[in-house]
N, C-alpha and C. Protein backbone atom coordinates (compact mmCIF):
# COMPACT_ATOMS: atom_id res chain seq x y z
N MET A 1 135.14 150.60 120.84
CA MET A 1 134.00 149.92 120.23
C MET A 1 134.28 148.43 120.13
N GLY A 2 135.48 148.00 119.88
CA GLY A 2 135.88 146.63 119.57
C GLY A 2 135.23 145.52 120.36
N ASN A 3 135.58 145.36 121.62
CA ASN A 3 135.12 144.22 122.40
C ASN A 3 133.61 144.27 122.65
N LEU A 4 133.08 145.44 122.98
CA LEU A 4 131.64 145.56 123.20
C LEU A 4 130.87 145.23 121.92
N TYR A 5 131.35 145.72 120.80
CA TYR A 5 130.71 145.45 119.52
C TYR A 5 130.67 143.94 119.26
N SER A 6 131.75 143.25 119.56
CA SER A 6 131.79 141.80 119.35
C SER A 6 130.80 141.08 120.25
N TRP A 7 130.65 141.54 121.49
CA TRP A 7 129.68 140.94 122.40
C TRP A 7 128.25 141.18 121.92
N ILE A 8 128.00 142.38 121.42
CA ILE A 8 126.67 142.67 120.89
C ILE A 8 126.39 141.81 119.67
N LYS A 9 127.38 141.65 118.82
CA LYS A 9 127.21 140.81 117.62
C LYS A 9 126.95 139.35 118.02
N ALA A 10 127.68 138.85 119.02
CA ALA A 10 127.47 137.47 119.49
C ALA A 10 126.04 137.32 120.03
N LEU A 11 125.59 138.29 120.80
CA LEU A 11 124.23 138.24 121.34
C LEU A 11 123.20 138.31 120.21
N HIS A 12 123.49 139.09 119.20
CA HIS A 12 122.60 139.19 118.03
C HIS A 12 122.50 137.84 117.33
N ILE A 13 123.62 137.20 117.10
CA ILE A 13 123.63 135.90 116.42
C ILE A 13 122.88 134.86 117.24
N LEU A 14 123.11 134.84 118.55
CA LEU A 14 122.40 133.88 119.41
C LEU A 14 120.89 134.12 119.39
N SER A 15 120.48 135.38 119.41
CA SER A 15 119.04 135.66 119.40
C SER A 15 118.43 135.32 118.03
N VAL A 16 119.18 135.52 116.95
CA VAL A 16 118.70 135.12 115.63
C VAL A 16 118.48 133.61 115.57
N ILE A 17 119.43 132.85 116.12
CA ILE A 17 119.31 131.40 116.12
C ILE A 17 118.06 130.96 116.90
N ALA A 18 117.86 131.53 118.09
CA ALA A 18 116.70 131.16 118.90
C ALA A 18 115.39 131.55 118.19
N PHE A 19 115.36 132.76 117.63
CA PHE A 19 114.16 133.22 116.94
C PHE A 19 113.86 132.35 115.73
N MET A 20 114.88 132.06 114.94
CA MET A 20 114.67 131.27 113.73
C MET A 20 114.29 129.83 114.05
N ALA A 21 114.76 129.30 115.15
CA ALA A 21 114.31 127.96 115.55
C ALA A 21 112.80 127.97 115.70
N GLY A 22 112.27 129.00 116.32
CA GLY A 22 110.83 129.12 116.46
C GLY A 22 110.12 129.37 115.15
N MET A 23 110.71 130.20 114.28
CA MET A 23 110.10 130.49 112.98
C MET A 23 110.01 129.24 112.11
N LEU A 24 110.93 128.32 112.32
CA LEU A 24 110.90 127.08 111.54
C LEU A 24 110.03 126.01 112.21
N TYR A 25 109.94 126.05 113.53
CA TYR A 25 109.21 125.01 114.26
C TYR A 25 107.72 125.32 114.44
N LEU A 26 107.37 126.58 114.64
CA LEU A 26 105.96 126.91 114.90
C LEU A 26 105.05 126.53 113.73
N PRO A 27 105.40 126.84 112.49
CA PRO A 27 104.52 126.38 111.40
C PRO A 27 104.45 124.86 111.31
N ARG A 28 105.52 124.17 111.69
CA ARG A 28 105.51 122.70 111.69
C ARG A 28 104.53 122.21 112.75
N LEU A 29 104.51 122.86 113.91
CA LEU A 29 103.52 122.50 114.93
C LEU A 29 102.11 122.70 114.39
N PHE A 30 101.91 123.79 113.64
CA PHE A 30 100.59 124.04 113.05
C PHE A 30 100.20 122.94 112.07
N VAL A 31 101.18 122.44 111.31
CA VAL A 31 100.90 121.34 110.37
C VAL A 31 100.29 120.16 111.13
N TYR A 32 100.88 119.82 112.26
CA TYR A 32 100.38 118.70 113.06
C TYR A 32 99.08 119.05 113.78
N HIS A 33 98.96 120.30 114.21
CA HIS A 33 97.79 120.73 114.97
C HIS A 33 96.54 120.71 114.09
N VAL A 34 96.68 121.05 112.82
CA VAL A 34 95.54 121.05 111.90
C VAL A 34 94.83 119.70 111.91
N GLY A 35 95.58 118.63 112.07
CA GLY A 35 95.00 117.29 112.01
C GLY A 35 94.36 116.80 113.29
N THR A 36 94.28 117.65 114.31
CA THR A 36 93.67 117.22 115.57
C THR A 36 92.27 117.81 115.71
N ALA A 37 91.43 117.11 116.44
CA ALA A 37 90.07 117.59 116.68
C ALA A 37 90.09 118.70 117.73
N PRO A 38 89.37 119.80 117.48
CA PRO A 38 89.29 120.87 118.47
C PRO A 38 88.82 120.33 119.82
N GLY A 39 89.51 120.76 120.87
CA GLY A 39 89.16 120.32 122.22
C GLY A 39 89.76 119.00 122.63
N SER A 40 90.38 118.29 121.69
CA SER A 40 90.98 117.00 122.03
C SER A 40 92.23 117.21 122.88
N GLN A 41 92.66 116.14 123.51
CA GLN A 41 93.86 116.22 124.35
C GLN A 41 95.07 116.64 123.50
N ALA A 42 95.18 116.11 122.29
CA ALA A 42 96.29 116.46 121.41
C ALA A 42 96.23 117.95 121.04
N SER A 43 95.04 118.43 120.71
CA SER A 43 94.89 119.84 120.35
C SER A 43 95.29 120.74 121.51
N GLU A 44 94.87 120.40 122.70
CA GLU A 44 95.22 121.21 123.88
C GLU A 44 96.72 121.18 124.15
N LEU A 45 97.35 120.04 123.91
CA LEU A 45 98.81 119.95 124.07
C LEU A 45 99.52 120.83 123.05
N PHE A 46 99.05 120.81 121.79
CA PHE A 46 99.65 121.68 120.77
C PHE A 46 99.49 123.15 121.14
N LYS A 47 98.36 123.52 121.70
CA LYS A 47 98.15 124.91 122.12
C LYS A 47 99.19 125.34 123.15
N ILE A 48 99.46 124.46 124.10
CA ILE A 48 100.47 124.76 125.13
C ILE A 48 101.85 124.88 124.49
N MET A 49 102.20 123.94 123.63
CA MET A 49 103.51 123.96 122.98
C MET A 49 103.68 125.22 122.14
N GLU A 50 102.66 125.57 121.38
CA GLU A 50 102.72 126.75 120.52
C GLU A 50 102.86 128.03 121.34
N ARG A 51 102.08 128.13 122.40
CA ARG A 51 102.14 129.33 123.25
C ARG A 51 103.50 129.46 123.92
N ARG A 52 104.00 128.39 124.47
CA ARG A 52 105.30 128.45 125.14
C ARG A 52 106.43 128.76 124.18
N LEU A 53 106.40 128.17 123.00
CA LEU A 53 107.43 128.45 121.99
C LEU A 53 107.41 129.93 121.63
N GLU A 54 106.23 130.46 121.37
CA GLU A 54 106.15 131.85 120.93
C GLU A 54 106.45 132.84 122.06
N THR A 55 105.91 132.61 123.25
CA THR A 55 106.08 133.61 124.31
C THR A 55 107.38 133.47 125.09
N ALA A 56 107.88 132.26 125.24
CA ALA A 56 109.08 132.06 126.07
C ALA A 56 110.37 132.04 125.27
N ILE A 57 110.30 131.75 123.98
CA ILE A 57 111.52 131.67 123.18
C ILE A 57 111.52 132.73 122.08
N MET A 58 110.51 132.70 121.22
CA MET A 58 110.52 133.58 120.06
C MET A 58 110.42 135.06 120.43
N ARG A 59 109.48 135.42 121.28
CA ARG A 59 109.26 136.82 121.61
C ARG A 59 110.48 137.46 122.28
N PRO A 60 111.05 136.84 123.33
CA PRO A 60 112.25 137.45 123.92
C PRO A 60 113.42 137.51 122.93
N ALA A 61 113.60 136.46 122.13
CA ALA A 61 114.68 136.46 121.15
C ALA A 61 114.47 137.56 120.12
N PHE A 62 113.22 137.77 119.69
CA PHE A 62 112.92 138.81 118.72
C PHE A 62 113.26 140.19 119.27
N ILE A 63 112.89 140.43 120.51
CA ILE A 63 113.18 141.73 121.15
C ILE A 63 114.69 141.96 121.20
N VAL A 64 115.44 140.94 121.61
CA VAL A 64 116.90 141.07 121.70
C VAL A 64 117.51 141.24 120.32
N LEU A 65 117.04 140.48 119.34
CA LEU A 65 117.65 140.59 118.01
C LEU A 65 117.38 141.95 117.38
N ILE A 66 116.21 142.53 117.61
CA ILE A 66 115.93 143.86 117.08
C ILE A 66 116.80 144.90 117.78
N ALA A 67 116.87 144.81 119.11
CA ALA A 67 117.69 145.78 119.86
C ALA A 67 119.17 145.68 119.48
N THR A 68 119.69 144.47 119.39
CA THR A 68 121.10 144.32 119.04
C THR A 68 121.34 144.66 117.57
N GLY A 69 120.38 144.35 116.70
CA GLY A 69 120.52 144.69 115.29
C GLY A 69 120.60 146.19 115.07
N ILE A 70 119.74 146.94 115.74
CA ILE A 70 119.78 148.41 115.65
C ILE A 70 121.11 148.93 116.18
N THR A 71 121.54 148.38 117.29
CA THR A 71 122.81 148.81 117.88
C THR A 71 123.98 148.52 116.95
N LEU A 72 124.00 147.34 116.35
CA LEU A 72 125.07 146.99 115.42
C LEU A 72 125.06 147.91 114.20
N GLY A 73 123.88 148.17 113.68
CA GLY A 73 123.78 149.07 112.53
C GLY A 73 124.26 150.47 112.84
N TRP A 74 123.92 150.93 114.02
CA TRP A 74 124.32 152.28 114.44
C TRP A 74 125.81 152.34 114.73
N LYS A 75 126.31 151.42 115.55
CA LYS A 75 127.74 151.41 115.91
C LYS A 75 128.64 151.12 114.72
N GLY A 76 128.16 150.32 113.78
CA GLY A 76 128.96 149.96 112.61
C GLY A 76 128.80 150.94 111.46
N HIS A 77 127.97 151.97 111.65
CA HIS A 77 127.72 152.99 110.60
C HIS A 77 127.22 152.35 109.31
N PHE A 78 126.32 151.37 109.45
CA PHE A 78 125.81 150.64 108.29
C PHE A 78 124.53 151.23 107.71
N PHE A 79 123.90 152.16 108.42
CA PHE A 79 122.59 152.63 107.97
C PHE A 79 122.64 153.39 106.65
N ALA A 80 123.82 153.81 106.22
CA ALA A 80 123.96 154.52 104.94
C ALA A 80 124.28 153.57 103.79
N THR A 81 124.39 152.28 104.06
CA THR A 81 124.77 151.32 103.02
C THR A 81 123.53 150.74 102.32
N GLY A 82 123.70 150.38 101.08
CA GLY A 82 122.60 149.81 100.31
C GLY A 82 122.21 148.42 100.76
N TRP A 83 123.20 147.61 101.11
CA TRP A 83 122.91 146.23 101.50
C TRP A 83 122.04 146.19 102.75
N LEU A 84 122.28 147.12 103.68
CA LEU A 84 121.49 147.08 104.92
C LEU A 84 120.03 147.44 104.64
N GLY A 85 119.80 148.38 103.73
CA GLY A 85 118.43 148.71 103.37
C GLY A 85 117.68 147.50 102.82
N THR A 86 118.36 146.75 101.97
CA THR A 86 117.76 145.54 101.41
C THR A 86 117.55 144.49 102.49
N LYS A 87 118.55 144.35 103.36
CA LYS A 87 118.42 143.39 104.46
C LYS A 87 117.25 143.78 105.37
N LEU A 88 117.12 145.07 105.65
CA LEU A 88 116.01 145.52 106.50
C LEU A 88 114.65 145.25 105.87
N LEU A 89 114.58 145.33 104.54
CA LEU A 89 113.34 144.96 103.86
C LEU A 89 113.01 143.49 104.12
N LEU A 90 114.01 142.62 104.01
CA LEU A 90 113.80 141.19 104.28
C LEU A 90 113.46 140.96 105.76
N VAL A 91 114.09 141.72 106.65
CA VAL A 91 113.78 141.62 108.08
C VAL A 91 112.33 142.06 108.33
N LEU A 92 111.89 143.10 107.63
CA LEU A 92 110.51 143.55 107.75
C LEU A 92 109.54 142.46 107.28
N LEU A 93 109.88 141.78 106.19
CA LEU A 93 109.05 140.67 105.71
C LEU A 93 109.05 139.51 106.72
N MET A 94 110.21 139.25 107.35
CA MET A 94 110.29 138.21 108.38
C MET A 94 109.42 138.61 109.58
N THR A 95 109.43 139.89 109.91
CA THR A 95 108.60 140.38 111.02
C THR A 95 107.12 140.20 110.69
N ALA A 96 106.76 140.46 109.44
CA ALA A 96 105.36 140.25 109.02
C ALA A 96 104.99 138.77 109.11
N ALA A 97 105.92 137.90 108.70
CA ALA A 97 105.67 136.45 108.81
C ALA A 97 105.49 136.06 110.28
N TYR A 98 106.31 136.62 111.15
CA TYR A 98 106.19 136.36 112.59
C TYR A 98 104.83 136.83 113.09
N GLY A 99 104.42 138.02 112.67
CA GLY A 99 103.10 138.52 113.06
C GLY A 99 101.99 137.60 112.60
N TYR A 100 102.12 137.06 111.39
CA TYR A 100 101.12 136.12 110.89
C TYR A 100 101.10 134.86 111.75
N LEU A 101 102.27 134.37 112.15
CA LEU A 101 102.32 133.18 112.99
C LEU A 101 101.70 133.44 114.37
N ILE A 102 101.92 134.63 114.90
CA ILE A 102 101.29 134.98 116.18
C ILE A 102 99.77 134.97 116.03
N ALA A 103 99.28 135.60 114.96
CA ALA A 103 97.83 135.62 114.72
C ALA A 103 97.29 134.20 114.54
N SER A 104 98.05 133.37 113.84
CA SER A 104 97.64 131.97 113.65
C SER A 104 97.59 131.23 114.97
N ARG A 105 98.57 131.50 115.84
CA ARG A 105 98.59 130.85 117.16
C ARG A 105 97.32 131.21 117.94
N TYR A 106 96.93 132.47 117.87
CA TYR A 106 95.70 132.89 118.56
C TYR A 106 94.47 132.22 117.95
N ARG A 107 94.46 132.06 116.63
CA ARG A 107 93.33 131.38 115.99
C ARG A 107 93.27 129.91 116.43
N PHE A 108 94.42 129.26 116.47
CA PHE A 108 94.44 127.87 116.95
C PHE A 108 93.97 127.80 118.41
N ALA A 109 94.41 128.76 119.23
CA ALA A 109 94.02 128.76 120.65
C ALA A 109 92.51 128.90 120.82
N ALA A 110 91.88 129.60 119.88
CA ALA A 110 90.43 129.80 119.92
C ALA A 110 89.68 128.75 119.10
N ASP A 111 90.40 127.71 118.63
CA ASP A 111 89.82 126.67 117.76
C ASP A 111 89.14 127.29 116.54
N ALA A 112 89.80 128.32 115.96
CA ALA A 112 89.21 129.04 114.83
C ALA A 112 90.11 129.00 113.59
N ASN A 113 91.06 128.08 113.53
CA ASN A 113 91.93 128.01 112.36
C ASN A 113 91.13 127.56 111.14
N LYS A 114 91.36 128.23 110.02
CA LYS A 114 90.69 127.88 108.76
C LYS A 114 91.70 127.43 107.70
N ARG A 115 92.99 127.43 108.02
CA ARG A 115 94.03 127.09 107.06
C ARG A 115 94.29 125.59 107.04
N SER A 116 94.79 125.12 105.89
CA SER A 116 95.03 123.69 105.69
C SER A 116 96.46 123.29 106.04
N VAL A 117 96.66 122.00 106.10
CA VAL A 117 98.01 121.45 106.28
C VAL A 117 98.92 121.95 105.17
N ARG A 118 98.42 121.90 103.95
CA ARG A 118 99.21 122.33 102.79
C ARG A 118 99.66 123.79 102.93
N PHE A 119 98.77 124.66 103.40
CA PHE A 119 99.11 126.07 103.59
C PHE A 119 100.30 126.21 104.53
N PHE A 120 100.23 125.53 105.68
CA PHE A 120 101.31 125.66 106.66
C PHE A 120 102.60 124.99 106.20
N ARG A 121 102.49 123.93 105.41
CA ARG A 121 103.69 123.31 104.83
C ARG A 121 104.40 124.29 103.89
N ILE A 122 103.62 124.98 103.08
CA ILE A 122 104.20 125.97 102.16
C ILE A 122 104.72 127.18 102.93
N PHE A 123 103.92 127.66 103.89
CA PHE A 123 104.33 128.82 104.69
C PHE A 123 105.63 128.54 105.43
N ASN A 124 105.85 127.31 105.81
CA ASN A 124 107.05 126.92 106.55
C ASN A 124 108.32 127.24 105.77
N GLU A 125 108.23 127.36 104.45
CA GLU A 125 109.41 127.66 103.62
C GLU A 125 109.73 129.14 103.59
N VAL A 126 108.77 129.99 103.88
CA VAL A 126 108.97 131.44 103.80
C VAL A 126 110.12 131.91 104.71
N PRO A 127 110.13 131.56 106.00
CA PRO A 127 111.24 132.02 106.84
C PRO A 127 112.61 131.52 106.34
N THR A 128 112.65 130.32 105.80
CA THR A 128 113.91 129.79 105.29
C THR A 128 114.43 130.64 104.14
N LEU A 129 113.56 130.96 103.20
CA LEU A 129 113.97 131.77 102.06
C LEU A 129 114.40 133.17 102.49
N LEU A 130 113.66 133.77 103.40
CA LEU A 130 114.04 135.09 103.91
C LEU A 130 115.37 135.02 104.64
N LEU A 131 115.57 133.99 105.44
CA LEU A 131 116.83 133.84 106.19
C LEU A 131 118.02 133.74 105.24
N ILE A 132 117.88 133.00 104.16
CA ILE A 132 118.96 132.87 103.18
C ILE A 132 119.36 134.25 102.66
N GLY A 133 118.38 135.04 102.27
CA GLY A 133 118.67 136.39 101.78
C GLY A 133 119.31 137.27 102.83
N ILE A 134 118.80 137.22 104.05
CA ILE A 134 119.32 138.04 105.14
C ILE A 134 120.78 137.69 105.43
N VAL A 135 121.07 136.41 105.53
CA VAL A 135 122.44 135.98 105.84
C VAL A 135 123.40 136.36 104.71
N ILE A 136 122.99 136.14 103.47
CA ILE A 136 123.86 136.51 102.34
C ILE A 136 124.17 138.00 102.37
N LEU A 137 123.17 138.83 102.60
CA LEU A 137 123.40 140.27 102.65
C LEU A 137 124.28 140.66 103.83
N ALA A 138 124.05 140.06 105.00
CA ALA A 138 124.84 140.41 106.18
C ALA A 138 126.29 139.98 106.06
N VAL A 139 126.54 138.85 105.44
CA VAL A 139 127.91 138.34 105.36
C VAL A 139 128.66 138.95 104.18
N LEU A 140 128.04 138.98 103.00
CA LEU A 140 128.74 139.44 101.80
C LEU A 140 128.71 140.97 101.63
N LYS A 141 127.69 141.62 102.19
CA LYS A 141 127.55 143.08 102.04
C LYS A 141 127.83 143.49 100.59
N PRO A 142 127.03 142.96 99.65
CA PRO A 142 127.37 143.09 98.23
C PRO A 142 127.28 144.49 97.63
N PHE A 143 126.59 145.41 98.28
CA PHE A 143 126.49 146.77 97.71
C PHE A 143 126.25 147.76 98.82
C-alpha cells in the first residue's frame, strides 16, 4: 500500500489545490462581472473566463479529488472514524457551494444574474471557511 498510497495522496492534494483555486477565483470573477453591462465586450470576456475556469480546471480537479479522496478513505480504513464523517459533511457543503457556482455561471452566461456584488463578496468567504475545517480535520484527525 505504501508507495501507491503516497502517490494517490499527492494527486489528491494537487487536485484540491487546483479545485480550491477555482472556488476562490470564480466568485471573485462574478464580483467583477456583476458590474458589466450584459452583452458588453467585458461581459463576454468574463463569460469566457468563467466557463474555462469551471470546465477546464475546476471540473477535472473535482473529479480527481473525489476519486482520490474515496480511494484514500478506503485504503486508509478511515470510513469508520468520526473525523472523516465530519470532514465529509464539510466536503458535501463544499460540493453544494460548487454546484451553486456552476448554476451562477450559467445564469451569467444567459445574462440572467440577479445577485449583487455584495452577495458574491460574502459568498467568496464560504469556500475559505469550509476549507479551514476540512484541512484541520484531515491533518489533526481529532476524533
